Amino acid sequence: MMLSFFDQFASPSYMGIPLMALAIALPWLLYPSPTNRWIPNPLLATQTWSMNRFTAQLLLPMGQAGHKWAALFTSLLVFLLTINMLGLLPYTFTPTTQLSLNMGLAFPLWLATVIVGMWNQPTHALGHLLPEGTPAALIPVLIIIETISLFIRPLALGVRLTANLTAGHLLMQLIATAGYVLLPLMPTVAVLTIMVLFLLTLLEVAVAMIQAYVFVLLLSLYLQENV
């Protein structure tokens, strides 16, 4: 029996062994492996076309140096999208509701974009900390503010993904519980509650896809500033 609505976000374990790694690795088995055939199956063709379109759209504003990140960004999108969508199924666990996992993805990737900028064009990278034409009296204040905003970026990435998925799952749990309790007492209200739950589920499917895309899109924007 669930003691708290937040128990659904606890990391699963079996016989004391954490299953987080299993929850992260299993979604990759759902995707077909590439083949050397001239005419692939429809699922593989759709997957290839979708990834090509996404990569072209995401990396279009970047220069040639940013195109080296195409495989990483595409793999990250597929990874987040699959985990978010599978987490909406009953009796499943969503690893991306854990802030530790999201920060483990956000911080190294953000740091990599900063290192790339400092390595390739340090003057341009440091120039983001001070807008052109700033009055001399405001220079120290603006440098401090821009530095703080720079270091907040990975935290914002991780918290945004965690908060959106956690809030959606929690709201679905609350409405489902309300529908279950109201069913024997007020069937009409319970039916309306279930209809709201269905609409909310569709909204959560959209949120799961959008948040995966936003996470990768923001990383690409950070990279664009440094290449």
Protein backbone atom coordinates (compact mmCIF):
# COMPACT_ATOMS: atom_id res chain seq x y z
CA MET A 1 0.00 0.00 0.00
CA MET A 2 1.29 3.45 -0.91
CA LEU A 3 1.96 5.38 2.30
CA SER A 4 2.50 8.68 0.51
CA PHE A 5 1.89 10.12 -2.93
CA PHE A 6 5.61 10.78 -3.14
CA ASP A 7 6.46 7.09 -2.69
CA GLN A 8 6.01 6.68 -6.44
CA PHE A 9 9.17 8.74 -6.94
CA ALA A 10 11.33 6.56 -4.68
CA SER A 11 14.10 4.73 -6.52
CA PRO A 12 12.99 1.10 -6.99
CA SER A 13 14.98 -1.75 -5.49
CA TYR A 14 14.76 -5.52 -5.41
CA MET A 15 16.24 -7.45 -2.50
CA GLY A 16 18.14 -4.31 -1.54
CA ILE A 17 19.63 -3.89 -5.04
CA PRO A 18 18.81 -0.53 -6.73
CA LEU A 19 17.11 -0.95 -10.10
CA MET A 20 17.85 2.55 -11.39
CA ALA A 21 20.48 1.27 -13.82
CA LEU A 22 18.04 -1.32 -15.17
CA ALA A 23 15.31 1.32 -15.63
CA ILE A 24 17.78 3.46 -17.58
CA ALA A 25 19.22 0.67 -19.76
CA LEU A 26 16.09 -1.27 -20.73
CA PRO A 27 14.46 1.40 -22.98
CA TRP A 28 17.33 1.05 -25.47
CA LEU A 29 16.14 -2.49 -26.21
CA LEU A 30 12.90 -1.13 -27.67
CA TYR A 31 14.61 0.45 -30.67
CA PRO A 32 15.52 -1.58 -33.77
CA SER A 33 19.17 -1.94 -34.67
CA PRO A 34 20.36 -0.49 -38.02
CA THR A 35 20.75 -2.97 -40.85
CA ASN A 36 22.70 -3.06 -44.13
CA ARG A 37 19.60 -3.71 -46.23
CA TRP A 38 18.71 -1.38 -49.07
CA ILE A 39 15.07 -1.30 -47.96
CA PRO A 40 14.74 -1.25 -44.15
CA ASN A 41 11.55 -2.07 -42.29
CA PRO A 42 9.01 0.79 -41.80
CA LEU A 43 9.84 1.25 -38.10
CA LEU A 44 13.56 1.63 -38.76
CA ALA A 45 12.90 3.96 -41.71
CA THR A 46 10.63 6.16 -39.58
CA GLN A 47 13.20 6.23 -36.78
CA THR A 48 16.00 7.22 -39.14
CA TRP A 49 13.92 9.92 -40.83
CA SER A 50 12.83 11.41 -37.49
CA MET A 51 16.35 11.56 -36.12
CA ASN A 52 17.68 13.12 -39.31
CA ARG A 53 15.00 15.81 -39.27
CA PHE A 54 15.57 16.57 -35.61
CA THR A 55 19.34 16.82 -36.02
CA ALA A 56 19.06 19.05 -39.06
CA GLN A 57 16.60 21.38 -37.31
CA LEU A 58 18.57 21.53 -34.06
CA LEU A 59 22.02 22.14 -35.53
CA LEU A 60 20.98 24.39 -38.42
CA PRO A 61 22.02 27.68 -36.70
CA MET A 62 25.42 26.30 -35.64
CA GLY A 63 28.69 26.30 -37.44
CA GLN A 64 30.66 23.26 -38.50
CA ALA A 65 32.21 22.87 -35.05
CA GLY A 66 28.79 22.36 -33.46
CA HIS A 67 27.86 19.57 -35.85
CA LYS A 68 30.24 17.25 -34.02
CA TRP A 69 27.70 17.16 -31.21
CA ALA A 70 24.91 15.82 -33.42
CA ALA A 71 25.18 12.18 -32.32
CA LEU A 72 25.34 13.16 -28.64
CA PHE A 73 22.31 15.45 -28.78
CA THR A 74 20.25 12.98 -30.80
CA SER A 75 21.07 10.12 -28.44
CA LEU A 76 20.23 12.30 -25.45
CA LEU A 77 16.86 13.26 -26.94
CA VAL A 78 15.97 9.62 -27.65
CA PHE A 79 17.09 8.63 -24.15
CA LEU A 80 15.03 11.30 -22.35
CA LEU A 81 12.01 10.92 -24.62
CA THR A 82 11.85 7.16 -24.14
CA ILE A 83 12.27 7.29 -20.37
CA ASN A 84 9.68 10.06 -20.00
CA MET A 85 7.12 8.24 -22.13
CA LEU A 86 7.62 4.84 -20.48
CA GLY A 87 7.23 6.47 -17.09
CA LEU A 88 3.59 7.21 -17.93
CA LEU A 89 2.74 3.51 -18.10
CA PRO A 90 1.24 1.80 -15.03
CA TYR A 91 3.62 0.06 -12.63
CA THR A 92 6.66 1.78 -14.08
CA PHE A 93 9.29 4.14 -12.73
CA THR A 94 10.47 7.39 -14.30
CA PRO A 95 14.20 7.90 -13.65
CA THR A 96 13.99 11.52 -14.82
CA THR A 97 11.88 12.40 -11.77
CA GLN A 98 15.13 12.08 -9.79
CA LEU A 99 17.02 15.37 -9.55
CA SER A 100 20.29 13.50 -9.08
CA LEU A 101 19.98 11.85 -12.51
CA ASN A 102 18.97 15.07 -14.26
CA MET A 103 21.81 17.01 -12.66
CA GLY A 104 24.17 14.19 -13.60
CA LEU A 105 23.17 14.78 -17.22
CA ALA A 106 22.90 18.58 -17.14
CA PHE A 107 26.08 19.57 -15.30
CA PRO A 108 28.70 17.62 -17.34
CA LEU A 109 27.11 18.60 -20.66
CA TRP A 110 26.85 22.28 -19.66
CA LEU A 111 30.43 22.20 -18.40
CA ALA A 112 31.55 20.66 -21.69
CA THR A 113 30.01 23.55 -23.65
CA VAL A 114 31.79 26.06 -21.38
CA ILE A 115 35.12 24.27 -21.75
CA VAL A 116 34.72 24.19 -25.53
CA GLY A 117 34.14 27.94 -25.56
CA MET A 118 37.07 28.70 -23.25
CA TRP A 119 39.36 26.43 -25.26
CA ASN A 120 38.48 27.57 -28.78
CA GLN A 121 37.62 31.24 -28.31
CA PRO A 122 38.26 32.41 -24.74
CA THR A 123 37.81 36.11 -25.51
CA HIS A 124 34.39 35.56 -27.06
CA ALA A 125 33.34 33.22 -24.23
CA LEU A 126 34.35 35.70 -21.54
CA GLY A 127 32.69 38.50 -23.49
CA HIS A 128 29.27 37.04 -22.59
CA LEU A 129 29.90 38.10 -18.99
CA LEU A 130 29.96 41.79 -19.93
CA PRO A 131 27.62 43.28 -22.57
CA GLU A 132 29.17 45.78 -24.94
CA GLY A 133 28.71 49.42 -24.03
CA THR A 134 28.20 48.83 -20.29
CA PRO A 135 28.91 51.91 -18.12
CA ALA A 136 32.07 51.59 -16.03
CA ALA A 137 30.16 51.87 -12.76
CA LEU A 138 28.02 48.83 -13.61
CA ILE A 139 30.83 46.57 -14.82
CA PRO A 140 31.51 44.78 -11.49
CA VAL A 141 27.80 44.27 -10.79
CA LEU A 142 27.04 42.93 -14.27
CA ILE A 143 30.01 40.55 -14.20
CA ILE A 144 28.78 39.10 -10.90
CA ILE A 145 25.20 38.79 -12.17
CA GLU A 146 26.22 37.17 -15.47
CA THR A 147 28.57 34.77 -13.67
CA ILE A 148 25.79 33.70 -11.31
CA SER A 149 23.39 33.24 -14.23
CA LEU A 150 26.02 31.16 -16.02
CA PHE A 151 26.43 28.77 -13.09
CA ILE A 152 22.66 28.56 -12.54
CA ARG A 153 22.13 27.13 -16.04
CA PRO A 154 22.79 23.44 -15.19
CA LEU A 155 20.64 23.74 -12.06
CA ALA A 156 17.81 25.21 -14.12
CA LEU A 157 18.12 22.39 -16.66
CA GLY A 158 17.88 19.68 -14.03
CA VAL A 159 15.20 21.32 -11.89
CA ARG A 160 13.00 22.15 -14.89
CA LEU A 161 12.91 18.55 -16.08
CA THR A 162 12.41 17.16 -12.58
CA ALA A 163 9.71 19.63 -11.54
CA ASN A 164 7.60 19.28 -14.68
CA LEU A 165 7.57 15.48 -14.62
CA THR A 166 7.10 15.25 -10.85
CA ALA A 167 4.21 17.73 -10.85
CA GLY A 168 2.47 15.94 -13.70
CA HIS A 169 2.82 12.48 -12.15
CA LEU A 170 1.66 13.76 -8.77
CA LEU A 171 -1.39 15.48 -10.26
CA MET A 172 -2.33 12.32 -12.17
CA GLN A 173 -2.03 10.31 -8.95
CA LEU A 174 -4.25 12.77 -7.06
CA ILE A 175 -6.98 12.80 -9.71
CA ALA A 176 -6.88 9.00 -10.11
CA THR A 177 -7.23 8.57 -6.35
CA ALA A 178 -10.12 11.02 -6.29
CA GLY A 179 -11.89 9.13 -9.07
CA TYR A 180 -11.40 5.81 -7.28
CA VAL A 181 -12.78 7.18 -4.00
CA LEU A 182 -15.76 8.94 -5.62
CA LEU A 183 -16.82 5.99 -7.80
CA PRO A 184 -19.03 4.22 -5.20
CA LEU A 185 -20.22 7.52 -3.67
CA MET A 186 -20.90 9.79 -6.66
CA PRO A 187 -20.59 7.84 -9.93
CA THR A 188 -21.36 10.85 -12.14
CA VAL A 189 -18.65 12.97 -10.55
CA ALA A 190 -16.28 10.01 -10.71
CA VAL A 191 -16.87 9.63 -14.45
CA LEU A 192 -16.18 13.31 -14.98
CA THR A 193 -13.01 12.97 -12.89
CA ILE A 194 -11.86 10.05 -15.03
CA MET A 195 -12.47 12.11 -18.16
CA VAL A 196 -10.30 14.87 -16.70
CA LEU A 197 -7.66 12.24 -15.92
CA PHE A 198 -7.72 11.08 -19.55
CA LEU A 199 -7.21 14.63 -20.81
CA LEU A 200 -4.45 15.16 -18.27
CA THR A 201 -2.76 11.98 -19.46
CA LEU A 202 -2.72 13.34 -23.01
CA LEU A 203 -1.25 16.57 -21.67
CA GLU A 204 1.43 14.63 -19.80
CA VAL A 205 2.38 12.76 -22.97
CA ALA A 206 2.94 16.14 -24.62
CA VAL A 207 4.88 17.40 -21.59
CA ALA A 208 7.10 14.30 -21.64
CA MET A 209 8.03 14.93 -25.27
CA ILE A 210 8.36 18.70 -24.94
CA GLN A 211 10.57 18.56 -21.85
CA ALA A 212 12.97 16.14 -23.52
CA TYR A 213 13.19 18.46 -26.52
CA VAL A 214 13.60 21.59 -24.36
CA PHE A 215 16.43 19.98 -22.38
CA VAL A 216 18.39 19.22 -25.56
CA LEU A 217 17.45 22.53 -27.19
CA LEU A 218 18.80 24.58 -24.28
CA LEU A 219 22.04 22.59 -24.35
CA SER A 220 22.35 23.32 -28.06
CA LEU A 221 21.83 27.03 -27.38
CA TYR A 222 24.56 26.96 -24.74
CA LEU A 223 26.82 25.24 -27.25
CA GLN A 224 25.94 27.78 -29.94
CA GLU A 225 27.28 30.56 -27.72
CA ASN A 226 30.66 28.82 -27.46
CA VAL A 227 31.37 27.59 -31.00
